[in-house]
Amino acid sequence: MIESRKTSETDIKLDLNVRGTGNYRFDTEIPFFDHMLSHISKHGLIDMDLHLRGDIGIDCHHSVEDTAILMGQMIHKQLGDKKGIFRYGHFTIPMDEVLTTVVVDLGGRFFFKYTGPPIDGKFGIYDAELSLEFMQKLALNAKMNLHIVVHYGENRHHIHESIFKGLGKALRQAIAIDPNALGQIPSTKGMLE
């Protein structure tokens, strides 16, 4: 599925398949962002082909935010009525001295919570706090609960990698089809938004 988002600040074209094999190609002009997105793709088995141009002469905020908005919308759309999915996913991932847990619920309601050390500093042109902006906007537009807990750790790169890898793994679990619940909506309400 290919979709676009064009504003006065960004021009994005994204080909995304939530039931892929983990193939990815990125052209964003933000190397650290490419690196983080590759973890979601590889560990979530989500195929992504992203072309992004944004006002990075100002900073990377709009580029990262708008990518998360489009990606979240596409995830929500591709899951449709969510029949047969596990709905919930969680993963605790070690990344050297870092330990991080990421939990998702694709139940149709937004909530985002991060608990852990401050996310600040820079990776090249990428402001580290953009990772939390990305996660919040992804969760909002995918209509999911997303909880991230960095239990401990010091290396900023490892913390970021653990978050994005953990998200990929948790999404992979939640999106997967439950062979014992084929065709069933995973809710006592009989529907998920």
N, C-alpha and C. Protein backbone atom coordinates (compact mmCIF):
# COMPACT_ATOMS: atom_id res chain seq x y z
N MET A 1 0.85 -1.17 0.00
CA MET A 1 0.00 0.00 0.00
C MET A 1 0.89 1.24 0.00
N ILE A 2 0.69 2.12 -0.95
CA ILE A 2 1.46 3.35 -1.05
C ILE A 2 0.55 4.53 -0.74
N GLU A 3 0.99 5.39 0.16
CA GLU A 3 0.24 6.61 0.46
C GLU A 3 1.21 7.77 0.59
N SER A 4 0.66 8.97 0.49
CA SER A 4 1.48 10.18 0.53
C SER A 4 0.92 11.17 1.54
N ARG A 5 1.79 12.05 1.99
CA ARG A 5 1.39 13.17 2.83
C ARG A 5 2.24 14.36 2.40
N LYS A 6 1.58 15.42 1.99
CA LYS A 6 2.30 16.61 1.53
C LYS A 6 1.74 17.83 2.23
N THR A 7 2.62 18.56 2.89
CA THR A 7 2.26 19.81 3.55
C THR A 7 3.28 20.87 3.12
N SER A 8 3.15 22.06 3.67
CA SER A 8 4.13 23.10 3.37
C SER A 8 5.48 22.80 4.03
N GLU A 9 5.50 21.79 4.93
CA GLU A 9 6.73 21.46 5.66
C GLU A 9 7.36 20.14 5.23
N THR A 10 6.54 19.22 4.70
CA THR A 10 7.06 17.90 4.35
C THR A 10 6.40 17.37 3.08
N ASP A 11 7.11 16.46 2.43
CA ASP A 11 6.60 15.74 1.27
C ASP A 11 7.01 14.28 1.46
N ILE A 12 6.03 13.41 1.74
CA ILE A 12 6.32 12.03 2.13
C ILE A 12 5.59 11.07 1.21
N LYS A 13 6.29 10.03 0.79
CA LYS A 13 5.67 8.92 0.07
C LYS A 13 6.12 7.65 0.78
N LEU A 14 5.16 6.84 1.23
CA LEU A 14 5.47 5.65 2.01
C LEU A 14 4.75 4.44 1.44
N ASP A 15 5.52 3.41 1.16
CA ASP A 15 4.97 2.10 0.79
C ASP A 15 5.16 1.22 2.01
N LEU A 16 4.06 0.77 2.60
CA LEU A 16 4.11 0.04 3.87
C LEU A 16 3.26 -1.22 3.79
N ASN A 17 3.80 -2.32 4.30
CA ASN A 17 3.07 -3.59 4.37
C ASN A 17 3.30 -4.18 5.76
N VAL A 18 2.25 -4.19 6.59
CA VAL A 18 2.40 -4.68 7.96
C VAL A 18 2.58 -6.19 8.03
N ARG A 19 2.28 -6.88 6.94
CA ARG A 19 2.49 -8.34 6.89
C ARG A 19 3.58 -8.65 5.89
N GLY A 20 4.72 -8.05 6.12
CA GLY A 20 5.84 -8.20 5.19
C GLY A 20 6.89 -9.17 5.68
N THR A 21 8.11 -8.93 5.23
CA THR A 21 9.24 -9.79 5.58
C THR A 21 10.40 -9.01 6.21
N GLY A 22 10.19 -7.72 6.45
CA GLY A 22 11.23 -6.91 7.06
C GLY A 22 12.15 -6.23 6.07
N ASN A 23 11.70 -6.07 4.83
CA ASN A 23 12.49 -5.34 3.83
C ASN A 23 12.26 -3.85 3.99
N TYR A 24 13.31 -3.07 3.79
CA TYR A 24 13.17 -1.63 3.94
C TYR A 24 14.13 -0.89 3.02
N ARG A 25 13.70 0.31 2.68
CA ARG A 25 14.54 1.26 1.94
C ARG A 25 14.11 2.65 2.38
N PHE A 26 15.07 3.47 2.77
CA PHE A 26 14.77 4.79 3.28
C PHE A 26 15.57 5.85 2.54
N ASP A 27 14.91 6.94 2.25
CA ASP A 27 15.54 8.11 1.63
C ASP A 27 14.97 9.33 2.33
N THR A 28 15.54 9.65 3.50
CA THR A 28 14.97 10.70 4.34
C THR A 28 15.91 11.89 4.57
N GLU A 29 17.18 11.74 4.27
CA GLU A 29 18.21 12.74 4.56
C GLU A 29 18.45 12.90 6.06
N ILE A 30 17.94 11.95 6.86
CA ILE A 30 18.16 11.96 8.32
C ILE A 30 18.70 10.59 8.70
N PRO A 31 20.01 10.38 8.65
CA PRO A 31 20.58 9.03 8.82
C PRO A 31 20.16 8.31 10.10
N PHE A 32 20.12 9.00 11.22
CA PHE A 32 19.76 8.32 12.47
C PHE A 32 18.30 7.86 12.44
N PHE A 33 17.42 8.64 11.84
CA PHE A 33 16.02 8.26 11.71
C PHE A 33 15.90 7.01 10.84
N ASP A 34 16.64 6.97 9.73
CA ASP A 34 16.67 5.77 8.89
C ASP A 34 17.06 4.55 9.73
N HIS A 35 18.10 4.73 10.53
CA HIS A 35 18.62 3.63 11.35
C HIS A 35 17.55 3.12 12.33
N MET A 36 16.83 4.04 12.97
CA MET A 36 15.80 3.63 13.92
C MET A 36 14.62 2.95 13.21
N LEU A 37 14.19 3.50 12.09
CA LEU A 37 13.09 2.89 11.35
C LEU A 37 13.44 1.50 10.86
N SER A 38 14.71 1.28 10.54
CA SER A 38 15.12 -0.05 10.08
C SER A 38 14.87 -1.11 11.14
N HIS A 39 14.95 -0.73 12.42
CA HIS A 39 14.70 -1.67 13.51
C HIS A 39 13.22 -2.06 13.58
N ILE A 40 12.34 -1.08 13.40
CA ILE A 40 10.90 -1.40 13.38
C ILE A 40 10.61 -2.37 12.24
N SER A 41 11.18 -2.08 11.08
CA SER A 41 10.93 -2.91 9.90
C SER A 41 11.46 -4.32 10.09
N LYS A 42 12.71 -4.43 10.44
CA LYS A 42 13.36 -5.75 10.53
C LYS A 42 12.75 -6.61 11.63
N HIS A 43 12.53 -6.03 12.80
CA HIS A 43 12.04 -6.81 13.93
C HIS A 43 10.52 -6.96 13.94
N GLY A 44 9.82 -6.07 13.23
CA GLY A 44 8.38 -6.17 13.12
C GLY A 44 7.91 -6.90 11.88
N LEU A 45 8.87 -7.27 11.00
CA LEU A 45 8.55 -7.87 9.70
C LEU A 45 7.56 -6.98 8.94
N ILE A 46 7.83 -5.69 8.99
CA ILE A 46 7.02 -4.69 8.30
C ILE A 46 7.86 -4.14 7.15
N ASP A 47 7.36 -4.30 5.93
CA ASP A 47 8.08 -3.75 4.78
C ASP A 47 7.82 -2.26 4.69
N MET A 48 8.90 -1.50 4.46
CA MET A 48 8.80 -0.04 4.34
C MET A 48 9.70 0.46 3.23
N ASP A 49 9.13 1.33 2.41
CA ASP A 49 9.90 2.07 1.42
C ASP A 49 9.47 3.52 1.60
N LEU A 50 10.37 4.33 2.16
CA LEU A 50 10.02 5.69 2.56
C LEU A 50 10.87 6.71 1.81
N HIS A 51 10.20 7.64 1.15
CA HIS A 51 10.86 8.80 0.56
C HIS A 51 10.34 10.02 1.30
N LEU A 52 11.24 10.78 1.89
CA LEU A 52 10.87 11.91 2.73
C LEU A 52 11.73 13.12 2.42
N ARG A 53 11.07 14.23 2.19
CA ARG A 53 11.74 15.52 2.10
C ARG A 53 11.02 16.47 3.03
N GLY A 54 11.80 17.11 3.90
CA GLY A 54 11.20 18.02 4.86
C GLY A 54 12.07 19.23 5.08
N ASP A 55 11.59 20.11 5.92
CA ASP A 55 12.30 21.37 6.20
C ASP A 55 13.40 21.15 7.23
N ILE A 56 14.34 20.25 6.90
CA ILE A 56 15.40 19.92 7.86
C ILE A 56 16.40 21.05 8.03
N GLY A 57 16.32 22.07 7.18
CA GLY A 57 17.13 23.27 7.42
C GLY A 57 16.72 23.98 8.69
N ILE A 58 15.47 23.78 9.10
CA ILE A 58 15.00 24.30 10.40
C ILE A 58 15.38 23.30 11.48
N ASP A 59 14.81 22.11 11.40
CA ASP A 59 15.20 20.96 12.21
C ASP A 59 14.43 19.76 11.66
N CYS A 60 14.51 18.64 12.33
CA CYS A 60 13.90 17.40 11.82
C CYS A 60 12.50 17.13 12.37
N HIS A 61 12.00 18.06 13.16
CA HIS A 61 10.74 17.81 13.87
C HIS A 61 9.58 17.46 12.92
N HIS A 62 9.32 18.31 11.95
CA HIS A 62 8.17 18.08 11.06
C HIS A 62 8.33 16.79 10.27
N SER A 63 9.55 16.49 9.86
CA SER A 63 9.80 15.28 9.08
C SER A 63 9.48 14.03 9.89
N VAL A 64 9.95 13.98 11.12
CA VAL A 64 9.74 12.82 11.98
C VAL A 64 8.26 12.72 12.37
N GLU A 65 7.68 13.84 12.77
CA GLU A 65 6.27 13.86 13.19
C GLU A 65 5.35 13.42 12.05
N ASP A 66 5.53 13.99 10.87
CA ASP A 66 4.63 13.67 9.76
C ASP A 66 4.81 12.24 9.27
N THR A 67 6.02 11.71 9.36
CA THR A 67 6.23 10.30 9.02
C THR A 67 5.46 9.40 9.99
N ALA A 68 5.50 9.74 11.27
CA ALA A 68 4.77 8.96 12.27
C ALA A 68 3.26 9.02 12.04
N ILE A 69 2.76 10.20 11.68
CA ILE A 69 1.33 10.37 11.41
C ILE A 69 0.91 9.46 10.26
N LEU A 70 1.64 9.52 9.15
CA LEU A 70 1.29 8.72 7.98
C LEU A 70 1.44 7.23 8.27
N MET A 71 2.52 6.84 8.92
CA MET A 71 2.74 5.44 9.23
C MET A 71 1.65 4.90 10.15
N GLY A 72 1.28 5.67 11.16
CA GLY A 72 0.21 5.23 12.07
C GLY A 72 -1.11 5.06 11.35
N GLN A 73 -1.46 6.01 10.50
CA GLN A 73 -2.70 5.92 9.73
C GLN A 73 -2.71 4.68 8.85
N MET A 74 -1.58 4.37 8.25
CA MET A 74 -1.49 3.22 7.35
C MET A 74 -1.59 1.90 8.12
N ILE A 75 -0.96 1.84 9.28
CA ILE A 75 -1.08 0.63 10.10
C ILE A 75 -2.54 0.40 10.47
N HIS A 76 -3.21 1.45 10.93
CA HIS A 76 -4.62 1.33 11.31
C HIS A 76 -5.47 0.87 10.13
N LYS A 77 -5.25 1.46 8.98
CA LYS A 77 -6.04 1.11 7.80
C LYS A 77 -5.79 -0.33 7.37
N GLN A 78 -4.53 -0.76 7.38
CA GLN A 78 -4.22 -2.11 6.92
C GLN A 78 -4.78 -3.20 7.85
N LEU A 79 -4.96 -2.89 9.11
CA LEU A 79 -5.49 -3.88 10.03
C LEU A 79 -7.01 -4.04 9.93
N GLY A 80 -7.67 -3.08 9.27
CA GLY A 80 -9.11 -3.19 9.01
C GLY A 80 -9.91 -3.44 10.27
N ASP A 81 -10.77 -4.46 10.24
CA ASP A 81 -11.62 -4.75 11.41
C ASP A 81 -10.87 -5.54 12.49
N LYS A 82 -9.64 -5.92 12.20
CA LYS A 82 -8.73 -6.57 13.16
C LYS A 82 -9.15 -8.00 13.52
N LYS A 83 -9.97 -8.59 12.69
CA LYS A 83 -10.37 -9.97 12.94
C LYS A 83 -9.16 -10.89 12.96
N GLY A 84 -9.09 -11.71 14.01
CA GLY A 84 -8.08 -12.75 14.10
C GLY A 84 -6.72 -12.33 14.63
N ILE A 85 -6.49 -11.02 14.82
CA ILE A 85 -5.17 -10.62 15.31
C ILE A 85 -5.06 -10.89 16.81
N PHE A 86 -3.83 -10.97 17.27
CA PHE A 86 -3.62 -11.13 18.71
C PHE A 86 -4.00 -9.88 19.49
N ARG A 87 -3.87 -8.71 18.84
CA ARG A 87 -4.21 -7.40 19.40
C ARG A 87 -3.15 -6.87 20.36
N TYR A 88 -2.69 -7.68 21.27
CA TYR A 88 -1.70 -7.24 22.26
C TYR A 88 -0.31 -7.77 21.89
N GLY A 89 0.68 -6.98 22.19
CA GLY A 89 2.05 -7.43 22.01
C GLY A 89 2.95 -6.79 23.05
N HIS A 90 3.94 -7.52 23.47
CA HIS A 90 4.90 -6.96 24.43
C HIS A 90 6.25 -7.62 24.22
N PHE A 91 7.28 -6.87 24.48
CA PHE A 91 8.62 -7.42 24.34
C PHE A 91 9.55 -6.70 25.28
N THR A 92 10.35 -7.46 25.99
CA THR A 92 11.42 -6.90 26.82
C THR A 92 12.72 -7.24 26.14
N ILE A 93 13.49 -6.20 25.85
CA ILE A 93 14.69 -6.38 25.05
C ILE A 93 15.93 -5.87 25.79
N PRO A 94 16.97 -6.71 25.86
CA PRO A 94 18.24 -6.23 26.37
C PRO A 94 19.05 -5.64 25.22
N MET A 95 19.71 -4.56 25.47
CA MET A 95 20.63 -3.96 24.50
C MET A 95 21.89 -3.59 25.27
N ASP A 96 22.76 -4.58 25.40
CA ASP A 96 23.94 -4.43 26.25
C ASP A 96 23.51 -4.07 27.67
N GLU A 97 23.85 -2.87 28.15
CA GLU A 97 23.54 -2.51 29.54
C GLU A 97 22.12 -1.99 29.73
N VAL A 98 21.37 -1.88 28.64
CA VAL A 98 20.00 -1.34 28.68
C VAL A 98 18.98 -2.47 28.70
N LEU A 99 17.91 -2.27 29.47
CA LEU A 99 16.78 -3.19 29.45
C LEU A 99 15.51 -2.37 29.26
N THR A 100 14.75 -2.71 28.22
CA THR A 100 13.56 -1.93 27.84
C THR A 100 12.39 -2.86 27.58
N THR A 101 11.20 -2.46 28.03
CA THR A 101 9.97 -3.17 27.73
C THR A 101 9.06 -2.26 26.92
N VAL A 102 8.50 -2.81 25.84
CA VAL A 102 7.54 -2.09 25.00
C VAL A 102 6.27 -2.93 24.94
N VAL A 103 5.12 -2.29 25.20
CA VAL A 103 3.83 -2.98 25.22
C VAL A 103 2.85 -2.21 24.33
N VAL A 104 2.10 -2.93 23.47
CA VAL A 104 1.12 -2.29 22.62
C VAL A 104 -0.24 -3.00 22.74
N ASP A 105 -1.29 -2.21 22.54
CA ASP A 105 -2.66 -2.73 22.41
C ASP A 105 -3.26 -2.04 21.20
N LEU A 106 -3.60 -2.83 20.19
CA LEU A 106 -4.20 -2.30 18.97
C LEU A 106 -5.72 -2.24 19.08
N GLY A 107 -6.21 -1.88 20.24
CA GLY A 107 -7.63 -1.91 20.54
C GLY A 107 -8.44 -0.73 20.03
N GLY A 108 -7.82 0.24 19.38
CA GLY A 108 -8.58 1.34 18.80
C GLY A 108 -8.62 2.60 19.63
N ARG A 109 -7.90 2.62 20.75
CA ARG A 109 -7.86 3.81 21.59
C ARG A 109 -6.40 4.24 21.76
N PHE A 110 -6.20 5.55 21.80
CA PHE A 110 -4.86 6.10 21.94
C PHE A 110 -4.47 6.31 23.39
N PHE A 111 -3.26 5.87 23.71
CA PHE A 111 -2.59 6.27 24.94
C PHE A 111 -1.10 6.05 24.73
N PHE A 112 -0.30 6.98 25.23
CA PHE A 112 1.15 6.84 25.14
C PHE A 112 1.77 7.21 26.47
N LYS A 113 2.71 6.37 26.91
CA LYS A 113 3.42 6.66 28.16
C LYS A 113 4.86 6.17 28.03
N TYR A 114 5.78 7.06 28.35
CA TYR A 114 7.20 6.70 28.40
C TYR A 114 7.69 6.86 29.82
N THR A 115 8.39 5.86 30.32
CA THR A 115 9.02 5.93 31.63
C THR A 115 10.47 5.51 31.47
N GLY A 116 11.37 6.35 31.93
CA GLY A 116 12.77 6.03 31.79
C GLY A 116 13.63 7.28 31.89
N PRO A 117 14.90 7.14 31.55
CA PRO A 117 15.80 8.29 31.63
C PRO A 117 15.41 9.36 30.62
N PRO A 118 15.82 10.60 30.85
CA PRO A 118 15.50 11.67 29.90
C PRO A 118 16.03 11.33 28.50
N ILE A 119 15.23 11.66 27.50
CA ILE A 119 15.62 11.47 26.11
C ILE A 119 16.00 12.84 25.57
N ASP A 120 17.30 13.09 25.49
CA ASP A 120 17.76 14.39 25.02
C ASP A 120 19.09 14.25 24.30
N GLY A 121 19.62 15.35 23.84
CA GLY A 121 20.87 15.35 23.08
C GLY A 121 20.60 15.23 21.59
N LYS A 122 21.65 14.98 20.82
CA LYS A 122 21.55 14.90 19.36
C LYS A 122 22.28 13.68 18.83
N PHE A 123 21.79 13.17 17.71
CA PHE A 123 22.48 12.16 16.91
C PHE A 123 22.60 12.76 15.52
N GLY A 124 23.74 13.38 15.23
CA GLY A 124 23.85 14.11 13.97
C GLY A 124 22.87 15.26 13.97
N ILE A 125 21.98 15.31 12.96
CA ILE A 125 20.99 16.38 12.88
C ILE A 125 19.69 16.02 13.60
N TYR A 126 19.63 14.82 14.14
CA TYR A 126 18.41 14.31 14.77
C TYR A 126 18.40 14.64 16.26
N ASP A 127 17.40 15.40 16.70
CA ASP A 127 17.23 15.69 18.13
C ASP A 127 16.63 14.46 18.81
N ALA A 128 17.28 13.99 19.85
CA ALA A 128 16.89 12.73 20.48
C ALA A 128 15.44 12.72 20.95
N GLU A 129 14.92 13.88 21.41
CA GLU A 129 13.54 13.89 21.91
C GLU A 129 12.51 13.62 20.81
N LEU A 130 12.93 13.67 19.56
CA LEU A 130 12.03 13.36 18.46
C LEU A 130 11.57 11.90 18.49
N SER A 131 12.33 11.05 19.14
CA SER A 131 11.92 9.65 19.23
C SER A 131 10.62 9.52 20.01
N LEU A 132 10.47 10.29 21.07
CA LEU A 132 9.22 10.25 21.83
C LEU A 132 8.09 10.91 21.05
N GLU A 133 8.41 11.96 20.31
CA GLU A 133 7.41 12.59 19.44
C GLU A 133 6.92 11.60 18.39
N PHE A 134 7.86 10.85 17.81
CA PHE A 134 7.51 9.84 16.82
C PHE A 134 6.58 8.78 17.44
N MET A 135 6.95 8.28 18.62
CA MET A 135 6.16 7.24 19.27
C MET A 135 4.75 7.73 19.60
N GLN A 136 4.65 8.95 20.11
CA GLN A 136 3.34 9.49 20.47
C GLN A 136 2.45 9.64 19.24
N LYS A 137 2.99 10.22 18.16
CA LYS A 137 2.18 10.44 16.96
C LYS A 137 1.86 9.12 16.25
N LEU A 138 2.76 8.16 16.31
CA LEU A 138 2.48 6.84 15.74
C LEU A 138 1.31 6.19 16.49
N ALA A 139 1.38 6.21 17.82
CA ALA A 139 0.32 5.61 18.64
C ALA A 139 -1.02 6.31 18.42
N LEU A 140 -0.99 7.64 18.35
CA LEU A 140 -2.21 8.41 18.15
C LEU A 140 -2.89 8.03 16.83
N ASN A 141 -2.11 7.94 15.77
CA ASN A 141 -2.68 7.71 14.45
C ASN A 141 -2.93 6.25 14.14
N ALA A 142 -2.25 5.35 14.83
CA ALA A 142 -2.56 3.92 14.71
C ALA A 142 -3.68 3.53 15.66
N LYS A 143 -4.11 4.46 16.49
CA LYS A 143 -5.16 4.24 17.49
C LYS A 143 -4.80 3.06 18.40
N MET A 144 -3.64 3.20 19.02
CA MET A 144 -3.18 2.13 19.90
C MET A 144 -2.66 2.69 21.21
N ASN A 145 -2.65 1.82 22.21
CA ASN A 145 -1.93 2.10 23.45
C ASN A 145 -0.48 1.72 23.23
N LEU A 146 0.42 2.55 23.67
CA LEU A 146 1.85 2.27 23.57
C LEU A 146 2.52 2.69 24.87
N HIS A 147 3.08 1.70 25.56
CA HIS A 147 3.80 1.95 26.81
C HIS A 147 5.25 1.52 26.62
N ILE A 148 6.16 2.41 26.99
CA ILE A 148 7.58 2.13 26.87
C ILE A 148 8.23 2.37 28.23
N VAL A 149 8.93 1.36 28.73
CA VAL A 149 9.64 1.50 30.00
C VAL A 149 11.10 1.12 29.78
N VAL A 150 11.98 2.09 29.95
CA VAL A 150 13.41 1.79 29.96
C VAL A 150 13.78 1.57 31.43
N HIS A 151 13.98 0.30 31.79
CA HIS A 151 14.20 -0.06 33.19
C HIS A 151 15.51 0.50 33.71
N TYR A 152 16.55 0.38 32.90
CA TYR A 152 17.85 0.96 33.23
C TYR A 152 18.72 0.98 31.99
N GLY A 153 19.78 1.75 32.08
CA GLY A 153 20.71 1.85 30.96
C GLY A 153 21.29 3.25 30.88
N GLU A 154 22.43 3.34 30.21
CA GLU A 154 23.14 4.61 30.15
C GLU A 154 23.42 5.08 28.73
N ASN A 155 23.83 4.19 27.86
CA ASN A 155 24.23 4.59 26.52
C ASN A 155 23.02 5.06 25.72
N ARG A 156 23.05 6.30 25.25
CA ARG A 156 21.89 6.90 24.56
C ARG A 156 21.53 6.15 23.28
N HIS A 157 22.52 5.72 22.55
CA HIS A 157 22.25 4.97 21.31
C HIS A 157 21.57 3.64 21.63
N HIS A 158 22.07 2.95 22.64
CA HIS A 158 21.48 1.67 23.04
C HIS A 158 20.03 1.85 23.51
N ILE A 159 19.77 2.93 24.24
CA ILE A 159 18.41 3.19 24.71
C ILE A 159 17.48 3.36 23.51
N HIS A 160 17.90 4.16 22.55
CA HIS A 160 17.07 4.36 21.36
C HIS A 160 16.86 3.06 20.59
N GLU A 161 17.92 2.33 20.37
CA GLU A 161 17.80 1.07 19.62
C GLU A 161 16.86 0.10 20.34
N SER A 162 16.96 0.03 21.65
CA SER A 162 16.10 -0.90 22.39
C SER A 162 14.64 -0.51 22.25
N ILE A 163 14.34 0.77 22.23
CA ILE A 163 12.96 1.24 22.09
C ILE A 163 12.40 0.88 20.72
N PHE A 164 13.15 1.17 19.67
CA PHE A 164 12.65 0.93 18.32
C PHE A 164 12.61 -0.57 17.99
N LYS A 165 13.60 -1.33 18.44
CA LYS A 165 13.56 -2.78 18.25
C LYS A 165 12.41 -3.39 19.03
N GLY A 166 12.23 -2.95 20.28
CA GLY A 166 11.14 -3.46 21.10
C GLY A 166 9.78 -3.15 20.50
N LEU A 167 9.65 -1.95 19.89
CA LEU A 167 8.39 -1.62 19.23
C LEU A 167 8.14 -2.55 18.06
N GLY A 168 9.16 -2.81 17.26
CA GLY A 168 9.00 -3.74 16.15
C GLY A 168 8.54 -5.11 16.62
N LYS A 169 9.18 -5.63 17.65
CA LYS A 169 8.81 -6.96 18.17
C LYS A 169 7.39 -6.98 18.74
N ALA A 170 7.03 -5.94 19.49
CA ALA A 170 5.69 -5.88 20.09
C ALA A 170 4.62 -5.76 19.01
N LEU A 171 4.85 -4.94 18.00
CA LEU A 171 3.90 -4.82 16.90
C LEU A 171 3.75 -6.14 16.15
N ARG A 172 4.86 -6.82 15.95
CA ARG A 172 4.83 -8.11 15.25
C ARG A 172 3.90 -9.09 15.98
N GLN A 173 4.00 -9.13 17.30
CA GLN A 173 3.11 -10.01 18.09
C GLN A 173 1.66 -9.58 17.97
N ALA A 174 1.41 -8.28 18.11
CA ALA A 174 0.03 -7.79 18.14
C ALA A 174 -0.67 -7.94 16.79
N ILE A 175 0.07 -7.76 15.70
CA ILE A 175 -0.48 -7.82 14.35
C ILE A 175 -0.69 -9.26 13.89
N ALA A 176 0.08 -10.18 14.45
CA ALA A 176 0.03 -11.58 14.01
C ALA A 176 -1.37 -12.17 14.15
N ILE A 177 -1.66 -13.12 13.27
CA ILE A 177 -2.96 -13.81 13.30
C ILE A 177 -2.89 -14.95 14.32
N ASP A 178 -3.88 -14.98 15.19
CA ASP A 178 -4.00 -16.03 16.20
C ASP A 178 -4.70 -17.23 15.56
N PRO A 179 -4.00 -18.35 15.37
CA PRO A 179 -4.62 -19.49 14.68
C PRO A 179 -5.81 -20.07 15.44
N ASN A 180 -5.93 -19.77 16.72
CA ASN A 180 -7.07 -20.27 17.51
C ASN A 180 -8.26 -19.32 17.51
N ALA A 181 -8.11 -18.19 16.84
CA ALA A 181 -9.19 -17.19 16.85
C ALA A 181 -9.42 -16.62 15.45
N LEU A 182 -9.29 -17.46 14.45
CA LEU A 182 -9.46 -17.00 13.07
C LEU A 182 -10.84 -16.40 12.88
N GLY A 183 -10.86 -15.21 12.32
CA GLY A 183 -12.13 -14.55 12.03
C GLY A 183 -12.81 -13.91 13.22
N GLN A 184 -12.22 -14.04 14.39
CA GLN A 184 -12.82 -13.46 15.59
C GLN A 184 -12.21 -12.10 15.90
N ILE A 185 -13.03 -11.20 16.37
CA ILE A 185 -12.54 -9.90 16.81
C ILE A 185 -12.11 -10.03 18.27
N PRO A 186 -10.87 -9.65 18.59
CA PRO A 186 -10.37 -9.85 19.95
C PRO A 186 -10.89 -8.82 20.95
N SER A 187 -12.20 -8.84 21.15
CA SER A 187 -12.83 -7.93 22.12
C SER A 187 -14.19 -8.49 22.50
N THR A 188 -14.55 -8.37 23.77
CA THR A 188 -15.89 -8.79 24.20
C THR A 188 -16.97 -7.86 23.67
N LYS A 189 -16.57 -6.68 23.16
CA LYS A 189 -17.53 -5.75 22.58
C LYS A 189 -17.99 -6.20 21.21
N GLY A 190 -17.22 -7.10 20.59
CA GLY A 190 -17.56 -7.55 19.25
C GLY A 190 -17.09 -6.65 18.15
N MET A 191 -16.32 -5.61 18.52
CA MET A 191 -15.75 -4.70 17.52
C MET A 191 -14.58 -3.95 18.11
N LEU A 192 -13.66 -3.58 17.23
CA LEU A 192 -12.56 -2.70 17.60
C LEU A 192 -12.55 -1.57 16.60
N GLU A 193 -12.36 -0.37 17.09
CA GLU A 193 -12.35 0.79 16.18
C GLU A 193 -11.11 0.77 15.30
